[in-house]
Protein backbone atom coordinates (compact mmCIF):
# COMPACT_ATOMS: atom_id res chain seq x y z
CA MET A 1 -28.55 -28.40 -9.10
CA VAL A 2 -30.54 -30.21 -11.81
CA ILE A 3 -34.12 -31.22 -11.09
CA ASP A 4 -35.14 -34.38 -12.90
CA LEU A 5 -38.12 -33.56 -15.08
CA ASN A 6 -37.61 -36.50 -17.41
CA LEU A 7 -40.57 -36.70 -19.78
CA ALA A 8 -40.33 -40.50 -19.92
CA ALA A 9 -42.89 -40.59 -17.11
CA ARG A 10 -45.27 -38.34 -19.04
CA GLN A 11 -48.88 -39.44 -19.26
CA ASP A 12 -50.33 -37.02 -21.78
CA GLU A 13 -53.94 -36.11 -21.17
CA PRO A 14 -56.40 -35.03 -23.85
CA LEU A 15 -57.31 -31.39 -24.21
CA THR A 16 -60.68 -30.73 -22.55
CA ALA A 17 -61.12 -27.00 -23.21
CA ILE A 18 -59.55 -23.86 -24.59
CA SER A 19 -60.35 -20.30 -23.56
CA VAL A 20 -59.69 -17.13 -25.54
CA ALA A 21 -59.90 -13.44 -24.60
CA GLY A 22 -58.93 -10.23 -26.36
CA PHE A 23 -58.77 -11.93 -29.76
CA LYS A 24 -60.78 -10.30 -32.58
CA SER A 25 -64.48 -10.34 -31.63
CA ILE A 26 -63.80 -12.41 -28.49
CA ALA A 27 -63.29 -9.41 -26.24
CA ARG A 28 -64.16 -11.17 -23.00
CA GLU A 29 -63.03 -14.68 -22.12
CA GLN A 30 -65.01 -17.43 -23.84
CA THR A 31 -64.49 -21.17 -23.44
CA LEU A 32 -64.74 -23.99 -25.95
CA HIS A 33 -65.29 -27.40 -24.31
CA PHE A 34 -63.91 -30.32 -26.30
CA ALA A 35 -65.62 -33.66 -26.81
CA PRO A 36 -64.85 -36.35 -29.40
CA LEU A 37 -67.40 -34.53 -31.56
CA THR A 38 -67.35 -30.76 -31.04
CA ILE A 39 -69.69 -28.67 -33.18
CA LEU A 40 -69.30 -24.91 -33.71
CA ALA A 41 -72.40 -23.22 -35.11
CA GLY A 42 -73.61 -19.66 -35.49
CA ALA A 43 -74.12 -16.85 -37.94
CA ASN A 44 -71.42 -15.59 -40.27
CA SER A 45 -68.73 -13.54 -38.47
CA SER A 46 -70.00 -14.66 -35.06
CA GLY A 47 -66.52 -15.74 -33.93
CA LYS A 48 -66.41 -19.47 -34.73
CA SER A 49 -63.11 -19.34 -36.63
CA SER A 50 -61.67 -16.81 -34.17
CA MET A 51 -62.02 -19.32 -31.33
CA MET A 52 -59.70 -21.78 -33.06
CA GLN A 53 -57.29 -19.30 -34.67
CA PRO A 54 -54.98 -18.89 -31.64
CA LEU A 55 -54.31 -22.64 -31.87
CA LEU A 56 -53.64 -22.36 -35.60
CA LEU A 57 -51.46 -19.31 -35.11
CA MET A 58 -49.32 -21.30 -32.67
CA LYS A 59 -49.28 -24.29 -35.02
CA GLN A 60 -47.89 -22.40 -38.01
CA THR A 61 -45.39 -20.59 -35.79
CA ILE A 62 -43.95 -23.77 -34.26
CA GLU A 63 -43.89 -25.52 -37.65
CA ALA A 64 -42.12 -22.69 -39.48
CA PRO A 65 -38.75 -23.84 -40.94
CA TYR A 66 -37.11 -20.66 -39.60
CA ASP A 67 -37.55 -18.69 -36.38
CA PRO A 68 -40.29 -16.11 -37.11
CA GLY A 69 -40.27 -14.70 -33.58
CA VAL A 70 -43.15 -15.12 -31.16
CA PHE A 71 -45.69 -15.50 -33.97
CA LEU A 72 -45.68 -16.22 -37.68
CA LEU A 73 -48.63 -13.98 -38.44
CA ASP A 74 -49.00 -14.79 -42.14
CA GLY A 75 -48.84 -18.52 -42.70
CA PRO A 76 -50.69 -21.48 -44.22
CA ASN A 77 -53.28 -21.83 -41.44
CA VAL A 78 -54.19 -18.21 -40.64
CA ARG A 79 -53.24 -14.96 -42.33
CA PHE A 80 -52.61 -11.68 -40.54
CA THR A 81 -50.22 -8.86 -41.37
CA ASN A 82 -50.12 -6.97 -38.08
CA SER A 83 -51.33 -7.09 -34.50
CA ASN A 84 -54.29 -4.74 -35.11
CA GLN A 85 -56.05 -7.47 -37.05
CA ILE A 86 -55.86 -9.79 -34.03
CA LEU A 87 -56.66 -7.62 -31.03
CA SER A 88 -60.16 -6.87 -29.78
CA ASN A 89 -61.28 -3.25 -29.87
CA ASP A 90 -62.88 -3.49 -26.44
CA SER A 91 -60.85 -6.14 -24.63
CA ALA A 92 -61.42 -6.71 -20.93
CA LEU A 93 -57.68 -7.44 -20.67
CA GLY A 94 -56.59 -3.91 -21.57
CA ASP A 95 -55.02 -2.48 -24.69
CA GLY A 96 -52.70 -4.61 -26.77
CA VAL A 97 -53.19 -7.93 -24.94
CA PHE A 98 -54.77 -11.26 -25.84
CA CYS A 99 -54.70 -14.52 -23.92
CA THR A 100 -55.49 -18.15 -24.49
CA SER A 101 -55.56 -21.12 -22.12
CA PHE A 102 -55.50 -24.88 -22.57
CA SER A 103 -57.07 -27.24 -20.05
CA THR A 104 -56.97 -30.95 -19.24
CA ASP A 105 -58.41 -32.83 -16.29
CA SER A 106 -55.21 -32.18 -14.29
CA GLY A 107 -54.82 -28.47 -14.86
CA SER A 108 -54.34 -25.68 -17.36
CA VAL A 109 -51.71 -23.55 -19.08
CA PHE A 110 -52.59 -19.87 -19.56
CA LEU A 111 -50.56 -17.88 -22.12
CA CYS A 112 -50.81 -14.10 -22.38
CA TYR A 113 -49.33 -12.06 -25.26
CA LYS A 114 -48.74 -8.33 -25.50
CA GLU A 115 -48.44 -6.14 -28.58
CA ASN A 116 -44.99 -4.71 -29.28
CA ASN A 117 -43.74 -1.80 -31.39
CA ALA A 118 -43.12 -4.09 -34.37
CA TYR A 119 -46.87 -4.76 -34.89
CA SER A 120 -46.39 -8.25 -33.49
CA PHE A 121 -46.40 -9.74 -29.99
CA ASP A 122 -44.23 -10.69 -27.04
CA VAL A 123 -44.93 -13.39 -24.47
CA TYR A 124 -46.18 -11.50 -21.43
CA ARG A 125 -47.19 -14.01 -18.77
CA VAL A 126 -47.60 -17.76 -18.34
CA THR A 127 -49.79 -19.22 -15.61
CA ILE A 128 -49.84 -22.92 -14.78
CA LYS A 129 -52.65 -24.34 -12.68
CA THR A 130 -52.53 -27.94 -11.46
CA LEU A 131 -54.00 -29.99 -8.66
CA SER A 132 -50.89 -28.97 -6.70
CA GLY A 133 -51.37 -25.22 -6.98
CA GLU A 134 -50.69 -22.28 -9.28
CA LEU A 135 -47.56 -20.63 -10.69
CA THR A 136 -47.16 -17.46 -12.76
CA PHE A 137 -43.97 -16.45 -14.52
CA GLY A 138 -42.73 -14.53 -17.55
CA PRO A 139 -39.58 -13.20 -19.23
CA GLU A 140 -39.71 -10.18 -16.93
CA TYR A 141 -41.31 -11.88 -13.93
CA ILE A 142 -39.43 -14.53 -11.90
CA ASP A 143 -40.28 -15.43 -8.30
CA ARG A 144 -37.82 -18.13 -7.22
CA GLU A 145 -39.64 -18.89 -3.97
CA SER A 146 -42.93 -19.45 -5.80
CA ILE A 147 -41.19 -21.68 -8.32
CA ALA A 148 -39.54 -23.68 -5.54
CA ASN A 149 -42.81 -24.16 -3.65
CA PHE A 150 -44.68 -25.16 -6.79
CA LEU A 151 -42.04 -27.67 -7.86
CA ARG A 152 -41.97 -29.31 -4.44
CA LYS A 153 -45.72 -29.94 -4.67
CA GLU A 154 -45.91 -30.77 -8.36
CA LEU A 155 -42.98 -33.19 -8.28
CA GLN A 156 -43.88 -34.47 -4.80
CA MET A 157 -40.48 -33.51 -3.39
CA GLY A 158 -39.72 -33.03 0.30
CA GLU A 159 -39.27 -29.61 1.82
CA ASP A 160 -35.51 -30.22 2.09
CA ALA A 161 -35.16 -31.35 -1.54
CA PHE A 162 -33.94 -27.92 -2.57
CA GLN A 163 -34.21 -24.32 -1.51
CA SER A 164 -35.19 -21.39 -3.68
CA ASN A 165 -31.76 -19.83 -3.31
CA GLU A 166 -30.22 -22.98 -4.75
CA ILE A 167 -32.13 -22.74 -8.03
CA GLY A 168 -30.60 -20.99 -10.96
CA VAL A 169 -33.72 -19.90 -12.82
CA TYR A 170 -33.74 -18.71 -16.41
CA VAL A 171 -37.04 -17.87 -18.15
CA PHE A 172 -36.75 -17.81 -21.91
CA VAL A 173 -39.04 -17.55 -24.92
CA ASP A 174 -38.98 -20.04 -27.78
CA ARG A 175 -41.32 -18.71 -30.46
CA CYS A 176 -44.83 -18.58 -28.89
CA MET A 177 -43.85 -20.58 -25.79
CA SER A 178 -42.15 -19.48 -22.59
CA TYR A 179 -40.14 -21.92 -20.47
CA ILE A 180 -38.47 -22.12 -17.09
CA ASP A 181 -34.99 -23.62 -17.29
CA LEU A 182 -33.42 -24.62 -13.99
CA SER A 183 -30.01 -24.81 -15.60
CA PRO A 184 -29.07 -21.16 -16.12
CA PHE A 185 -26.18 -21.84 -18.48
CA SER A 186 -28.12 -23.82 -21.03
CA LYS A 187 -31.38 -23.36 -22.87
CA LYS A 188 -34.00 -26.09 -22.86
CA SER A 189 -31.50 -28.64 -21.55
CA PRO A 190 -32.81 -32.21 -21.06
CA GLY A 191 -34.24 -32.85 -17.62
CA SER A 192 -34.41 -29.23 -16.51
CA VAL A 193 -37.13 -27.52 -18.54
CA PHE A 194 -40.36 -27.06 -16.64
CA LEU A 195 -42.80 -26.34 -19.44
CA PRO A 196 -44.27 -28.45 -21.09
CA LEU A 197 -45.60 -30.17 -17.97
CA ARG A 198 -45.38 -33.87 -17.23
CA TRP A 199 -49.09 -34.39 -17.93
CA PHE A 200 -49.50 -32.14 -20.95
CA ASP A 201 -47.25 -31.33 -23.91
CA LEU A 202 -48.75 -28.20 -25.47
CA GLU A 203 -46.34 -28.21 -28.41
CA ASP A 204 -47.41 -31.73 -29.36
CA VAL A 205 -51.10 -30.89 -29.06
CA VAL A 206 -50.68 -27.85 -31.30
CA THR A 207 -48.52 -29.48 -33.98
CA ASP A 208 -50.69 -32.62 -34.02
CA ILE A 209 -53.71 -30.62 -35.22
CA ILE A 210 -55.04 -31.65 -38.61
CA HIS A 211 -56.50 -28.51 -40.16
CA LEU A 212 -58.85 -28.43 -43.12
CA PRO A 213 -59.83 -24.86 -44.07
CA GLY A 214 -63.15 -23.98 -45.66
CA LEU A 215 -61.54 -23.72 -49.11
CA ARG A 216 -59.49 -26.84 -49.75
CA GLY A 217 -57.89 -25.89 -53.05
CA ASN A 218 -59.03 -26.51 -56.61
CA PRO A 219 -59.04 -30.01 -58.09
CA GLU A 220 -55.70 -30.66 -59.79
CA ARG A 221 -54.60 -32.94 -62.60
CA ALA A 222 -51.69 -33.95 -60.39
CA TYR A 223 -50.75 -33.19 -56.77
CA LYS A 224 -47.32 -32.65 -55.30
CA THR A 225 -45.83 -35.62 -53.51
CA SER A 226 -45.76 -35.22 -49.73
CA GLY A 227 -44.53 -37.10 -46.71
CA VAL A 228 -46.89 -39.48 -44.92
CA GLY A 229 -46.92 -39.69 -41.12
CA THR A 230 -48.96 -38.64 -38.11
CA LYS A 231 -48.06 -34.93 -38.11
CA PHE A 232 -49.17 -32.69 -40.97
CA SER A 233 -47.64 -29.23 -41.15
CA GLY A 234 -49.75 -26.53 -42.72
CA THR A 235 -53.16 -27.51 -44.05
CA PHE A 236 -54.10 -31.11 -44.65
CA GLU A 237 -55.35 -31.07 -48.24
CA ASN A 238 -51.72 -31.04 -49.43
CA TYR A 239 -51.19 -34.58 -48.13
CA VAL A 240 -54.29 -36.35 -49.41
CA ALA A 241 -52.97 -37.72 -52.72
CA SER A 242 -49.82 -39.19 -51.18
CA ILE A 243 -51.77 -40.71 -48.28
CA ILE A 244 -54.17 -42.47 -50.64
CA ASN A 245 -51.23 -43.76 -52.68
CA TYR A 246 -49.60 -45.01 -49.46
CA TRP A 247 -52.79 -46.72 -48.29
CA GLN A 248 -53.06 -48.56 -51.60
CA GLN A 249 -49.66 -50.10 -51.00
CA GLN A 250 -49.54 -50.52 -47.22
CA HIS A 251 -53.01 -50.16 -45.68
CA PRO A 252 -55.73 -51.47 -48.01
CA ASP A 253 -58.23 -51.51 -45.12
CA ASN A 254 -58.01 -47.72 -44.89
CA LEU A 255 -58.55 -47.41 -48.62
CA HIS A 256 -61.55 -49.73 -48.39
CA SER A 257 -63.00 -47.56 -45.60
CA LEU A 258 -62.44 -44.45 -47.69
CA CYS A 259 -64.31 -45.95 -50.65
CA ARG A 260 -67.07 -47.08 -48.30
CA HIS A 261 -67.49 -43.54 -46.95
CA LEU A 262 -67.50 -42.03 -50.44
CA GLU A 263 -70.18 -44.48 -51.53
CA HIS A 264 -72.24 -43.89 -48.37
CA ILE A 265 -72.29 -40.15 -49.01
CA GLY A 266 -73.18 -40.75 -52.66
CA LEU A 267 -70.13 -39.22 -54.35
CA THR A 268 -68.40 -42.24 -55.90
CA SER A 269 -67.58 -45.86 -55.10
CA LYS A 270 -63.90 -46.00 -55.97
CA VAL A 271 -60.77 -43.86 -55.62
CA SER A 272 -57.17 -44.52 -56.52
CA ALA A 273 -53.87 -42.66 -56.62
CA THR A 274 -50.91 -43.17 -58.93
CA ALA A 275 -47.42 -41.75 -58.59
CA LEU A 276 -46.63 -40.16 -61.95
CA ASP A 277 -43.02 -39.55 -60.95
CA ALA A 278 -41.09 -38.65 -57.79
CA THR A 279 -42.85 -35.30 -57.49
CA GLN A 280 -46.47 -35.83 -58.60
CA VAL A 281 -49.44 -38.03 -57.70
CA GLU A 282 -52.64 -38.32 -59.73
CA ILE A 283 -56.01 -39.00 -58.10
CA LYS A 284 -58.71 -40.83 -60.02
CA VAL A 285 -62.29 -41.52 -58.93
CA GLY A 286 -65.12 -43.62 -60.30
CA ARG A 287 -67.58 -41.71 -62.43
CA LEU A 288 -70.34 -44.35 -61.97
CA PRO A 289 -71.69 -46.38 -59.01
CA GLY A 290 -69.89 -49.71 -58.80
CA ALA A 291 -67.04 -48.30 -60.91
CA THR A 292 -64.32 -50.56 -62.26
CA ASP A 293 -60.78 -49.46 -63.09
CA ALA A 294 -61.98 -48.70 -66.62
CA ASP A 295 -64.50 -46.20 -65.24
CA LEU A 296 -61.94 -44.10 -63.32
CA VAL A 297 -61.40 -40.50 -64.37
CA ASN A 298 -59.14 -37.73 -63.11
CA ILE A 299 -60.58 -35.96 -60.07
CA ALA A 300 -60.48 -32.68 -62.03
CA ASP A 301 -63.11 -34.11 -64.38
CA VAL A 302 -65.83 -34.67 -61.78
CA GLY A 303 -67.84 -32.32 -59.56
CA VAL A 304 -65.93 -30.10 -57.17
CA GLY A 305 -67.77 -31.68 -54.25
CA VAL A 306 -65.52 -34.74 -54.54
CA SER A 307 -62.27 -32.76 -54.33
CA GLN A 308 -63.61 -30.74 -51.36
CA THR A 309 -64.94 -33.75 -49.43
CA LEU A 310 -62.14 -36.25 -50.10
CA PRO A 311 -59.68 -34.43 -47.76
CA VAL A 312 -62.30 -34.52 -44.99
CA LEU A 313 -62.77 -38.28 -45.26
CA VAL A 314 -59.02 -38.98 -45.49
CA ALA A 315 -58.33 -36.78 -42.46
CA LEU A 316 -60.96 -38.57 -40.36
CA LEU A 317 -59.40 -41.93 -41.22
CA ALA A 318 -55.77 -40.81 -40.83
CA ALA A 319 -56.21 -39.20 -37.40
CA GLU A 320 -55.11 -41.01 -34.26
CA PRO A 321 -57.23 -41.19 -31.07
CA GLY A 322 -56.78 -37.96 -29.13
CA GLN A 323 -55.66 -36.02 -32.20
CA ILE A 324 -57.61 -32.87 -33.09
CA VAL A 325 -59.12 -32.70 -36.58
CA TYR A 326 -60.45 -29.19 -37.19
CA ILE A 327 -62.68 -28.98 -40.26
CA GLU A 328 -64.15 -25.71 -41.47
CA GLN A 329 -67.38 -26.22 -43.39
CA PRO A 330 -67.17 -30.01 -43.96
CA GLU A 331 -70.45 -29.75 -45.90
CA ILE A 332 -69.14 -27.33 -48.52
CA HIS A 333 -70.31 -28.16 -52.10
CA LEU A 334 -72.35 -31.14 -50.87
CA HIS A 335 -75.94 -31.90 -51.80
CA PRO A 336 -78.30 -31.78 -48.75
CA LEU A 337 -78.64 -35.58 -48.62
CA ALA A 338 -74.86 -35.96 -48.72
CA GLN A 339 -74.57 -33.44 -45.87
CA TYR A 340 -76.99 -35.53 -43.82
CA LYS A 341 -75.09 -38.76 -44.51
CA LEU A 342 -71.74 -37.14 -43.72
CA ALA A 343 -72.80 -37.04 -40.05
CA ALA A 344 -72.36 -40.83 -39.78
CA VAL A 345 -68.81 -40.66 -41.16
CA ILE A 346 -67.85 -37.92 -38.71
CA ALA A 347 -69.45 -39.86 -35.86
CA GLU A 348 -67.44 -42.97 -36.73
CA ALA A 349 -64.17 -41.09 -36.27
CA SER A 350 -65.40 -39.58 -33.01
CA LYS A 351 -66.24 -43.03 -31.66
CA ARG A 352 -62.62 -44.03 -32.33
CA GLY A 353 -61.53 -41.24 -29.96
CA VAL A 354 -60.51 -38.67 -32.56
CA LEU A 355 -61.29 -35.12 -31.39
CA VAL A 356 -63.31 -33.89 -34.35
CA VAL A 357 -64.08 -30.16 -34.32
CA ILE A 358 -66.41 -29.05 -37.09
CA GLU A 359 -67.42 -25.49 -37.89
CA THR A 360 -70.66 -25.68 -39.81
CA HIS A 361 -73.62 -23.73 -41.19
CA SER A 362 -75.51 -26.91 -42.05
CA ASP A 363 -78.62 -27.59 -39.96
CA ILE A 364 -78.96 -30.82 -41.97
CA LEU A 365 -75.55 -32.06 -40.83
CA ILE A 366 -76.40 -31.24 -37.20
CA ARG A 367 -79.76 -32.97 -37.59
CA GLY A 368 -77.90 -36.02 -38.85
CA VAL A 369 -75.86 -36.07 -35.63
CA GLN A 370 -79.03 -35.73 -33.55
CA THR A 371 -80.65 -38.60 -35.43
CA LEU A 372 -77.67 -40.88 -34.77
CA VAL A 373 -78.00 -40.13 -31.05
CA ALA A 374 -81.75 -40.75 -31.09
CA LYS A 375 -81.18 -44.10 -32.82
CA GLY A 376 -78.68 -45.11 -30.15
CA GLU A 377 -75.82 -45.19 -32.67
CA LEU A 378 -73.91 -42.28 -31.06
CA ASP A 379 -73.37 -41.65 -27.36
CA PRO A 380 -74.71 -38.19 -26.52
CA ASN A 381 -71.93 -37.81 -23.93
CA ILE A 382 -69.29 -37.50 -26.66
CA VAL A 383 -71.04 -34.60 -28.44
CA LYS A 384 -70.95 -30.91 -27.56
CA LEU A 385 -72.58 -28.10 -29.51
CA HIS A 386 -71.30 -24.55 -29.18
CA TRP A 387 -73.51 -21.74 -30.38
CA PHE A 388 -71.77 -18.46 -31.28
CA SER A 389 -73.56 -15.12 -31.20
CA ARG A 390 -72.47 -11.47 -31.27
CA SER A 391 -73.76 -8.58 -29.22
CA PRO A 392 -75.64 -6.02 -31.37
CA GLU A 393 -74.27 -3.29 -29.09
CA ASP A 394 -70.51 -3.86 -29.20
CA GLY A 395 -70.08 -6.85 -31.55
CA SER A 396 -68.47 -9.06 -28.91
CA THR A 397 -68.78 -12.83 -29.20
CA THR A 398 -70.57 -15.04 -26.68
CA VAL A 399 -70.19 -18.82 -26.76
CA THR A 400 -72.91 -21.05 -25.31
CA CYS A 401 -72.25 -24.77 -24.85
CA ALA A 402 -75.02 -27.38 -24.98
CA GLU A 403 -74.99 -31.14 -24.49
CA LEU A 404 -77.35 -33.58 -26.17
CA ASP A 405 -79.74 -35.80 -24.25
CA GLU A 406 -80.52 -39.39 -25.16
CA ASN A 407 -83.06 -38.18 -27.73
CA GLY A 408 -80.49 -36.03 -29.48
CA SER A 409 -82.10 -32.83 -28.21
CA PHE A 410 -80.15 -29.93 -26.75
CA GLY A 411 -82.96 -27.56 -25.81
CA ASP A 412 -83.84 -24.48 -27.81
CA TRP A 413 -82.67 -24.86 -31.41
CA PRO A 414 -80.45 -21.97 -32.55
CA GLN A 415 -82.57 -19.19 -33.99
CA ASP A 416 -80.73 -18.99 -37.30
CA PHE A 417 -81.37 -22.64 -38.13
CA ASP A 418 -84.86 -24.14 -37.82
CA THR A 419 -86.52 -20.76 -37.48
CA THR A 420 -85.03 -19.70 -40.80
CA THR A 421 -86.17 -22.95 -42.42
CA LEU A 422 -89.71 -22.47 -41.11
CA LEU A 423 -89.80 -18.83 -42.18
CA THR A 424 -88.69 -19.64 -45.73
CA GLU A 425 -91.25 -22.44 -45.97
CA LYS A 426 -93.96 -20.08 -44.67
CA ALA A 427 -92.93 -17.31 -47.09
CA TYR A 428 -93.14 -19.76 -50.00
CA LEU A 429 -96.54 -21.15 -48.98
CA ASP A 430 -97.90 -17.63 -48.39
CA ALA A 431 -96.70 -16.58 -51.85
CA VAL A 432 -98.38 -19.61 -53.47
CA GLU A 433 -101.60 -19.02 -51.53
CA GLU A 434 -101.65 -15.34 -52.52
CA ARG A 435 -101.06 -16.20 -56.17
CA LEU A 436 -103.86 -18.81 -56.19
CA PHE A 437 -106.17 -16.30 -54.52
CA ARG A 438 -105.40 -13.65 -57.18
CA ASN A 439 -105.92 -16.11 -60.03
CA ALA A 440 -109.25 -17.22 -58.56
CA LYS A 441 -110.70 -13.72 -58.79
C-alpha cells in the first residue's frame, strides 16, 4: 500500500536549536539555541566554529554536483581529509561516532554517524521525536511495528488504516540523510518517503544556509558571474558582484539599502556593479563621502575592509525571513567605530525574521547590540548569546546560553571581554604612573 505523505500540506517551522556531540572538541552534547540574532562568543579554539560545522558539512555534501557518499569532507564550506579530524578524542558516544540533532517547536530529528574503514562515515541511526511520539531507525535497524504505530499517530490515522505486516519498508541512505520508503520497489518515490517530515524539511534548511567564512577572499578587479536566487551553494562571497548588478537593474530599493548601510558604517556612500562580459562583473565603490559616479573606483583600490564587509551587508539584505545567515567574524578588518555601528545593520535583518548567526571576538559589536536593546530599538527576546569555553583538564567544549533583559544585560560579562579591556587599561595606566614616578625622582 502507499501512504499519502504529500508535502503539499507541509507547514515548515523554523529551526529552534541544534545539538552536537562527539564532534571535535564537543565531546559531550552541547546545544545551540537559535533566535533571530544568535551570537557565538568565546576564546580562540573554544568550539564556536565546530558547533556550526556539522550543518556546513551537510550543506556541501547535499550541494555537491556528484554523489560523494555520506559526506563530502573537503568542500567549499569546511575542509577535512579524514574522519580523525572530526571525531572527539573523548566522546561520550563511544569511539568513532558523532551525532547532531535539529529541533523545531514540533519535534526534532537526531542523526548519528559512525566512522567506517574508508576514513569517512556511514549513517548509523536516525531518531525522530514529535508531539506524537518517538521513532528510531537506520539502514541496519528496521522495526515495522514501531514504524506503523508512529505513522498512525503522526498522520492521525485510525488503528485499522494499515497493519505493520502490510507495510513494505525500505530504509535507504541518500548522502548524509537516511529515509524510510514505504514503497519497497522504488527509492524516494513521491508520497511514500517519510523523512523529511511534514513540519520540517531538513534538506531545505541545510541548503538554504548563507555562509560567510572568516576570510571572504581577496578584492578582485573582476568577479565571476554567478546565478542570482534564494539558494547559494558554497560560500556567499562568490555571488555578491552579480547580486549587486541584479539589484541595480531589478531591485533599486535593495541597492539603496546597501548604500545606506555602507554609509552608516562609514566605509563608503556608493557602490555599483558592471557586467564586463558574460563571465565577469566589476565592483566599484565611492572613494569619498557623497561620491558621484565620477568618484567611483575599483573595489581593489580601496581598503580591504570594504571587500570583507560588503558580502556581509549583501547577505543580510538578500536573506529571506527564516533563512539562516551564518557569518564568521563579521567585524574583520573594521575600525572599532564601524564594528559598533555594524550592530544596527545586523539587528535590522534580525527584525525582518532572518536567522542571523554571528561568530565574533568583538566586544564592541556585542556592546552595540546591548545598546540597541537598552534604547528600545531591539527586542531582547530575539537575541541569544552563547558563550563557549573549554575545560583545562580535557579540552572539551561547554556552551552556555544567555538571554538579554530589557536593559541589554545578560548577567556576568564573559571573562575574556570586559575583564581583558580593564586589565589592558590598568596595565597602561600603571606603566604611565610608574614612568612619571621614576622621572620625578
